[in-house]
């Protein structure tokens, strides 16, 4: 496995852990906050998450990957994935042809 793929996989895991942590923390905080102030708390958490995302994006600059790419399948660029995409396209074309011929009859 190439080093960058390993890093991406590690990044994916980190991102997953971070998202779970934020979700759990938000739920925990909201459970003890009075109803009237929940909106403010949610807003504050979202602002903090946005800031963290921006910092993360800045830290990843020059590494050849982005946050949005980290969440996707690491194997997406390998030839096998390309072949399966091609096969899916081919079968879709076949189905469309079949459908068209049914309409003619």
C-alpha atoms as a PDB file:
ATOM      1  CA  UNK A   1       0.000   0.000   0.000  1.00  0.00           C
ATOM      2  CA  UNK A   2       1.471   3.370  -0.992  1.00  0.00           C
ATOM      3  CA  UNK A   3       2.259   5.747   1.826  1.00  0.00           C
ATOM      4  CA  UNK A   4      -0.267   8.382   0.798  1.00  0.00           C
ATOM      5  CA  UNK A   5      -3.088   5.820   0.716  1.00  0.00           C
ATOM      6  CA  UNK A   6      -2.093   4.741   4.222  1.00  0.00           C
ATOM      7  CA  UNK A   7      -2.152   8.382   5.332  1.00  0.00           C
ATOM      8  CA  UNK A   8      -5.553   8.868   3.732  1.00  0.00           C
ATOM      9  CA  UNK A   9      -6.924   5.791   5.477  1.00  0.00           C
ATOM     10  CA  UNK A  10      -5.542   7.080   8.774  1.00  0.00           C
ATOM     11  CA  UNK A  11      -7.055  10.490   8.003  1.00  0.00           C
ATOM     12  CA  UNK A  12     -10.414   8.877   7.308  1.00  0.00           C
ATOM     13  CA  UNK A  13     -10.324   7.121  10.679  1.00  0.00           C
ATOM     14  CA  UNK A  14      -9.375  10.350  12.422  1.00  0.00           C
ATOM     15  CA  UNK A  15     -12.156  12.223  10.684  1.00  0.00           C
ATOM     16  CA  UNK A  16     -14.667   9.556  11.725  1.00  0.00           C
ATOM     17  CA  UNK A  17     -13.502   9.659  15.326  1.00  0.00           C
ATOM     18  CA  UNK A  18     -13.639  13.464  15.341  1.00  0.00           C
ATOM     19  CA  UNK A  19     -17.168  13.498  13.923  1.00  0.00           C
ATOM     20  CA  UNK A  20     -18.352  10.962  16.511  1.00  0.00           C
ATOM     21  CA  UNK A  21     -16.714  12.983  19.250  1.00  0.00           C
ATOM     22  CA  UNK A  22     -18.374  16.234  18.143  1.00  0.00           C
ATOM     23  CA  UNK A  23     -21.763  14.525  17.876  1.00  0.00           C
ATOM     24  CA  UNK A  24     -21.483  12.910  21.310  1.00  0.00           C
ATOM     25  CA  UNK A  25     -20.200  16.098  22.903  1.00  0.00           C
ATOM     26  CA  UNK A  26     -23.004  18.148  21.364  1.00  0.00           C
ATOM     27  CA  UNK A  27     -25.637  15.692  22.570  1.00  0.00           C
ATOM     28  CA  UNK A  28     -24.135  15.662  26.058  1.00  0.00           C
ATOM     29  CA  UNK A  29     -24.066  19.441  26.267  1.00  0.00           C
ATOM     30  CA  UNK A  30     -27.585  19.835  24.861  1.00  0.00           C
ATOM     31  CA  UNK A  31     -28.951  17.355  27.380  1.00  0.00           C
ATOM     32  CA  UNK A  32     -27.999  19.635  30.299  1.00  0.00           C
ATOM     33  CA  UNK A  33     -28.725  22.994  28.645  1.00  0.00           C
ATOM     34  CA  UNK A  34     -32.155  24.546  29.249  1.00  0.00           C
ATOM     35  CA  UNK A  35     -34.549  24.505  26.276  1.00  0.00           C
ATOM     36  CA  UNK A  36     -34.316  28.294  25.718  1.00  0.00           C
ATOM     37  CA  UNK A  37     -30.545  28.261  25.232  1.00  0.00           C
ATOM     38  CA  UNK A  38     -30.218  25.206  22.996  1.00  0.00           C
ATOM     39  CA  UNK A  39     -30.212  27.287  19.827  1.00  0.00           C
ATOM     40  CA  UNK A  40     -27.314  29.426  21.073  1.00  0.00           C
ATOM     41  CA  UNK A  41     -25.318  26.359  22.118  1.00  0.00           C
ATOM     42  CA  UNK A  42     -25.917  24.619  18.787  1.00  0.00           C
ATOM     43  CA  UNK A  43     -24.793  27.768  16.969  1.00  0.00           C
ATOM     44  CA  UNK A  44     -21.625  27.978  19.067  1.00  0.00           C
ATOM     45  CA  UNK A  45     -20.794  24.312  18.422  1.00  0.00           C
ATOM     46  CA  UNK A  46     -21.320  24.756  14.678  1.00  0.00           C
ATOM     47  CA  UNK A  47     -19.049  27.823  14.655  1.00  0.00           C
ATOM     48  CA  UNK A  48     -16.341  25.899  16.511  1.00  0.00           C
ATOM     49  CA  UNK A  49     -16.672  22.957  14.122  1.00  0.00           C
ATOM     50  CA  UNK A  50     -16.379  25.313  11.146  1.00  0.00           C
ATOM     51  CA  UNK A  51     -13.234  26.865  12.609  1.00  0.00           C
ATOM     52  CA  UNK A  52     -11.748  23.419  13.243  1.00  0.00           C
ATOM     53  CA  UNK A  53     -12.547  22.401   9.661  1.00  0.00           C
ATOM     54  CA  UNK A  54     -10.818  25.510   8.306  1.00  0.00           C
ATOM     55  CA  UNK A  55      -7.757  24.852  10.459  1.00  0.00           C
ATOM     56  CA  UNK A  56      -7.679  21.242   9.301  1.00  0.00           C
ATOM     57  CA  UNK A  57      -7.935  22.322   5.663  1.00  0.00           C
ATOM     58  CA  UNK A  58      -5.063  24.778   6.181  1.00  0.00           C
ATOM     59  CA  UNK A  59      -2.937  22.081   7.814  1.00  0.00           C
ATOM     60  CA  UNK A  60      -3.589  19.707   4.917  1.00  0.00           C
ATOM     61  CA  UNK A  61      -2.542  22.205   2.268  1.00  0.00           C
ATOM     62  CA  UNK A  62       0.282  20.828   0.183  1.00  0.00           C
ATOM     63  CA  UNK A  63      -0.325  17.219   1.240  1.00  0.00           C
ATOM     64  CA  UNK A  64      -2.207  16.470  -1.972  1.00  0.00           C
ATOM     65  CA  UNK A  65      -5.484  15.634  -0.273  1.00  0.00           C
ATOM     66  CA  UNK A  66      -8.484  17.547   1.014  1.00  0.00           C
ATOM     67  CA  UNK A  67     -11.023  17.007   3.777  1.00  0.00           C
ATOM     68  CA  UNK A  68     -13.763  16.183   1.288  1.00  0.00           C
ATOM     69  CA  UNK A  69     -11.539  13.605  -0.380  1.00  0.00           C
ATOM     70  CA  UNK A  70     -10.688  11.984   2.941  1.00  0.00           C
ATOM     71  CA  UNK A  71     -14.239  10.860   3.533  1.00  0.00           C
ATOM     72  CA  UNK A  72     -14.392   9.030   0.217  1.00  0.00           C
ATOM     73  CA  UNK A  73     -13.208   5.557  -0.553  1.00  0.00           C
ATOM     74  CA  UNK A  74      -9.420   5.455  -0.691  1.00  0.00           C
ATOM     75  CA  UNK A  75      -9.502   2.811  -3.384  1.00  0.00           C
ATOM     76  CA  UNK A  76     -11.496   5.000  -5.740  1.00  0.00           C
ATOM     77  CA  UNK A  77      -8.528   5.729  -7.988  1.00  0.00           C
ATOM     78  CA  UNK A  78      -7.317   2.176  -8.536  1.00  0.00           C
ATOM     79  CA  UNK A  79      -7.824   0.455 -11.911  1.00  0.00           C
ATOM     80  CA  UNK A  80     -10.328  -2.050 -10.492  1.00  0.00           C
ATOM     81  CA  UNK A  81     -12.643   0.767  -9.477  1.00  0.00           C
ATOM     82  CA  UNK A  82     -12.310   2.232 -12.960  1.00  0.00           C
ATOM     83  CA  UNK A  83     -13.168  -1.139 -14.484  1.00  0.00           C
ATOM     84  CA  UNK A  84     -16.247  -1.540 -12.284  1.00  0.00           C
ATOM     85  CA  UNK A  85     -17.389   1.970 -13.234  1.00  0.00           C
ATOM     86  CA  UNK A  86     -16.939   1.055 -16.889  1.00  0.00           C
ATOM     87  CA  UNK A  87     -18.891  -2.182 -16.416  1.00  0.00           C
ATOM     88  CA  UNK A  88     -21.715  -0.310 -14.682  1.00  0.00           C
ATOM     89  CA  UNK A  89     -21.875   2.145 -17.558  1.00  0.00           C
ATOM     90  CA  UNK A  90     -21.943  -0.704 -20.067  1.00  0.00           C
ATOM     91  CA  UNK A  91     -24.767  -2.522 -18.278  1.00  0.00           C
ATOM     92  CA  UNK A  92     -26.738   0.733 -18.051  1.00  0.00           C
ATOM     93  CA  UNK A  93     -26.350   1.173 -21.810  1.00  0.00           C
ATOM     94  CA  UNK A  94     -27.536  -2.394 -22.375  1.00  0.00           C
ATOM     95  CA  UNK A  95     -30.574  -1.821 -20.157  1.00  0.00           C
ATOM     96  CA  UNK A  96     -31.410   1.371 -22.014  1.00  0.00           C
ATOM     97  CA  UNK A  97     -31.153  -0.456 -25.335  1.00  0.00           C
ATOM     98  CA  UNK A  98     -33.440  -3.209 -24.053  1.00  0.00           C
ATOM     99  CA  UNK A  99     -35.955  -0.645 -22.814  1.00  0.00           C
ATOM    100  CA  UNK A 100     -35.894   1.155 -26.168  1.00  0.00           C
ATOM    101  CA  UNK A 101     -36.488  -2.062 -28.100  1.00  0.00           C
ATOM    102  CA  UNK A 102     -39.424  -2.925 -25.820  1.00  0.00           C
ATOM    103  CA  UNK A 103     -40.965   0.471 -26.568  1.00  0.00           C
ATOM    104  CA  UNK A 104     -40.691  -0.160 -30.328  1.00  0.00           C
ATOM    105  CA  UNK A 105     -42.602  -3.461 -30.062  1.00  0.00           C
END
